[in-house]
Amino acid sequence: MQIKNIHAPQLKQLINDHVDFQLIDTREPYEHEAFNIGGTLFPLAEITKHLNEIEKEKPVILYCRAGVRSQIAIQRLMEKYPFNNLYNLVGGMEAWKKTLNIRP
């Protein structure tokens, strides 16, 4: 099972270019409320409950704080359904903030 990755500058470019994709935040609600980039909140512990809400036909980018929970979420989803459109944001929100010089 190969997990596809995307880096913060690539994601920022997709957003700027208005590319049609789904963005999923796998963090906890308090983390999402503190800072998010517009992703739909599906916490890791509940990710498989949202199977029917996850796009199958367009890219789906998952993120968390550091990129670990979103990677686990992708693994769990790929075990249940043969997704081939899931991408993990490498380094998560920490990389996003660092790369784009965003201060909390």
C-alpha atoms as a PDB file:
ATOM      1  CA  MET A   1       0.000   0.000   0.000  1.00  0.00           C
ATOM      2  CA  GLN A   2       1.698   3.136  -1.280  1.00  0.00           C
ATOM      3  CA  ILE A   3       0.638   6.439   0.285  1.00  0.00           C
ATOM      4  CA  LYS A   4       0.818   9.453  -1.996  1.00  0.00           C
ATOM      5  CA  ASN A   5       2.194  12.658  -0.527  1.00  0.00           C
ATOM      6  CA  ILE A   6       1.734  16.333  -1.199  1.00  0.00           C
ATOM      7  CA  HIS A   7       3.806  19.178   0.234  1.00  0.00           C
ATOM      8  CA  ALA A   8       2.548  22.506   1.574  1.00  0.00           C
ATOM      9  CA  PRO A   9       3.644  24.628  -1.437  1.00  0.00           C
ATOM     10  CA  GLN A  10       1.898  22.195  -3.815  1.00  0.00           C
ATOM     11  CA  LEU A  11      -1.300  22.334  -1.740  1.00  0.00           C
ATOM     12  CA  LYS A  12      -1.160  26.135  -1.615  1.00  0.00           C
ATOM     13  CA  GLN A  13      -0.852  26.176  -5.415  1.00  0.00           C
ATOM     14  CA  LEU A  14      -3.901  23.891  -5.792  1.00  0.00           C
ATOM     15  CA  ILE A  15      -5.888  26.235  -3.545  1.00  0.00           C
ATOM     16  CA  ASN A  16      -4.692  29.323  -5.446  1.00  0.00           C
ATOM     17  CA  ASP A  17      -5.546  27.670  -8.775  1.00  0.00           C
ATOM     18  CA  HIS A  18      -9.044  26.712  -7.518  1.00  0.00           C
ATOM     19  CA  VAL A  19      -8.444  23.039  -8.330  1.00  0.00           C
ATOM     20  CA  ASP A  20     -11.395  20.833  -7.418  1.00  0.00           C
ATOM     21  CA  PHE A  21     -10.352  18.558  -4.558  1.00  0.00           C
ATOM     22  CA  GLN A  22     -11.559  17.546  -1.111  1.00  0.00           C
ATOM     23  CA  LEU A  23      -9.617  18.637   1.968  1.00  0.00           C
ATOM     24  CA  ILE A  24      -9.987  16.633   5.202  1.00  0.00           C
ATOM     25  CA  ASP A  25      -8.667  17.587   8.641  1.00  0.00           C
ATOM     26  CA  THR A  26      -8.009  14.477  10.765  1.00  0.00           C
ATOM     27  CA  ARG A  27      -7.183  16.392  13.951  1.00  0.00           C
ATOM     28  CA  GLU A  28      -9.355  16.859  17.026  1.00  0.00           C
ATOM     29  CA  PRO A  29     -12.063  19.550  17.138  1.00  0.00           C
ATOM     30  CA  TYR A  30     -10.069  21.835  19.470  1.00  0.00           C
ATOM     31  CA  GLU A  31      -7.114  21.766  17.043  1.00  0.00           C
ATOM     32  CA  HIS A  32      -9.390  22.497  14.097  1.00  0.00           C
ATOM     33  CA  GLU A  33     -10.964  25.439  15.915  1.00  0.00           C
ATOM     34  CA  ALA A  34      -7.568  26.898  16.837  1.00  0.00           C
ATOM     35  CA  PHE A  35      -6.232  26.862  13.250  1.00  0.00           C
ATOM     36  CA  ASN A  36      -7.384  25.265  10.031  1.00  0.00           C
ATOM     37  CA  ILE A  37      -7.106  25.757   6.303  1.00  0.00           C
ATOM     38  CA  GLY A  38     -10.704  24.996   5.453  1.00  0.00           C
ATOM     39  CA  GLY A  39     -10.730  21.220   5.558  1.00  0.00           C
ATOM     40  CA  THR A  40     -13.756  19.231   6.649  1.00  0.00           C
ATOM     41  CA  LEU A  41     -13.193  17.858  10.148  1.00  0.00           C
ATOM     42  CA  PHE A  42     -13.175  14.046  10.259  1.00  0.00           C
ATOM     43  CA  PRO A  43     -11.077  13.191  13.358  1.00  0.00           C
ATOM     44  CA  LEU A  44      -8.849  10.139  12.983  1.00  0.00           C
ATOM     45  CA  ALA A  45     -10.886   8.088  15.478  1.00  0.00           C
ATOM     46  CA  GLU A  46     -14.019   8.657  13.361  1.00  0.00           C
ATOM     47  CA  ILE A  47     -12.541   8.573   9.849  1.00  0.00           C
ATOM     48  CA  THR A  48     -14.109   5.278   8.760  1.00  0.00           C
ATOM     49  CA  LYS A  49     -17.551   6.505   9.880  1.00  0.00           C
ATOM     50  CA  HIS A  50     -17.283   9.118   7.112  1.00  0.00           C
ATOM     51  CA  LEU A  51     -16.453   6.659   4.334  1.00  0.00           C
ATOM     52  CA  ASN A  52     -19.489   7.666   2.269  1.00  0.00           C
ATOM     53  CA  GLU A  53     -18.625  11.374   2.546  1.00  0.00           C
ATOM     54  CA  ILE A  54     -15.141  10.969   1.088  1.00  0.00           C
ATOM     55  CA  GLU A  55     -14.840  11.686  -2.619  1.00  0.00           C
ATOM     56  CA  LYS A  56     -13.919   8.803  -4.881  1.00  0.00           C
ATOM     57  CA  GLU A  57     -13.595  10.703  -8.157  1.00  0.00           C
ATOM     58  CA  LYS A  58     -11.353  13.661  -7.293  1.00  0.00           C
ATOM     59  CA  PRO A  59      -8.189  14.149  -5.234  1.00  0.00           C
ATOM     60  CA  VAL A  60      -8.630  13.987  -1.454  1.00  0.00           C
ATOM     61  CA  ILE A  61      -5.948  15.605   0.675  1.00  0.00           C
ATOM     62  CA  LEU A  62      -5.799  14.711   4.363  1.00  0.00           C
ATOM     63  CA  TYR A  63      -3.895  16.660   6.979  1.00  0.00           C
ATOM     64  CA  CYS A  64      -3.249  16.799  10.722  1.00  0.00           C
ATOM     65  CA  ARG A  65      -0.733  18.557  12.958  1.00  0.00           C
ATOM     66  CA  ALA A  66       2.442  16.800  11.781  1.00  0.00           C
ATOM     67  CA  GLY A  67       1.320  14.366   9.065  1.00  0.00           C
ATOM     68  CA  VAL A  68       1.142  11.185  11.160  1.00  0.00           C
ATOM     69  CA  ARG A  69      -2.588  10.966  11.951  1.00  0.00           C
ATOM     70  CA  SER A  70      -3.525  11.798   8.378  1.00  0.00           C
ATOM     71  CA  GLN A  71      -1.206   9.021   7.171  1.00  0.00           C
ATOM     72  CA  ILE A  72      -2.875   6.569   9.572  1.00  0.00           C
ATOM     73  CA  ALA A  73      -6.285   7.760   8.352  1.00  0.00           C
ATOM     74  CA  ILE A  74      -5.277   7.046   4.758  1.00  0.00           C
ATOM     75  CA  GLN A  75      -4.099   3.560   5.730  1.00  0.00           C
ATOM     76  CA  ARG A  76      -7.411   2.857   7.482  1.00  0.00           C
ATOM     77  CA  LEU A  77      -9.427   4.109   4.518  1.00  0.00           C
ATOM     78  CA  MET A  78      -7.396   2.104   2.014  1.00  0.00           C
ATOM     79  CA  GLU A  79      -8.016  -1.041   4.052  1.00  0.00           C
ATOM     80  CA  LYS A  80     -11.787  -0.548   3.759  1.00  0.00           C
ATOM     81  CA  TYR A  81     -12.041   0.752   0.190  1.00  0.00           C
ATOM     82  CA  PRO A  82      -9.645   0.703  -2.770  1.00  0.00           C
ATOM     83  CA  PHE A  83      -9.046   4.464  -2.788  1.00  0.00           C
ATOM     84  CA  ASN A  84      -6.353   5.644  -5.193  1.00  0.00           C
ATOM     85  CA  ASN A  85      -6.994   9.377  -4.814  1.00  0.00           C
ATOM     86  CA  LEU A  86      -5.808  10.018  -1.240  1.00  0.00           C
ATOM     87  CA  TYR A  87      -2.862  12.303  -0.476  1.00  0.00           C
ATOM     88  CA  ASN A  88      -1.130  12.999   2.814  1.00  0.00           C
ATOM     89  CA  LEU A  89       0.049  16.552   3.551  1.00  0.00           C
ATOM     90  CA  VAL A  90       3.672  15.927   4.536  1.00  0.00           C
ATOM     91  CA  GLY A  91       4.427  17.614   7.856  1.00  0.00           C
ATOM     92  CA  GLY A  92       0.796  18.657   8.326  1.00  0.00           C
ATOM     93  CA  MET A  93      -0.104  22.050   9.734  1.00  0.00           C
ATOM     94  CA  GLU A  94       3.372  22.456  11.207  1.00  0.00           C
ATOM     95  CA  ALA A  95       4.899  22.300   7.713  1.00  0.00           C
ATOM     96  CA  TRP A  96       2.121  24.498   6.329  1.00  0.00           C
ATOM     97  CA  LYS A  97       2.843  27.227   8.876  1.00  0.00           C
ATOM     98  CA  LYS A  98       6.625  26.945   8.507  1.00  0.00           C
ATOM     99  CA  THR A  99       6.652  26.834   4.717  1.00  0.00           C
ATOM    100  CA  LEU A 100       4.200  29.676   4.345  1.00  0.00           C
ATOM    101  CA  ASN A 101       5.554  31.703   7.288  1.00  0.00           C
ATOM    102  CA  ILE A 102       2.279  31.708   9.154  1.00  0.00           C
ATOM    103  CA  ARG A 103       2.477  32.589  12.825  1.00  0.00           C
ATOM    104  CA  PRO A 104      -0.165  31.158  15.164  1.00  0.00           C
END
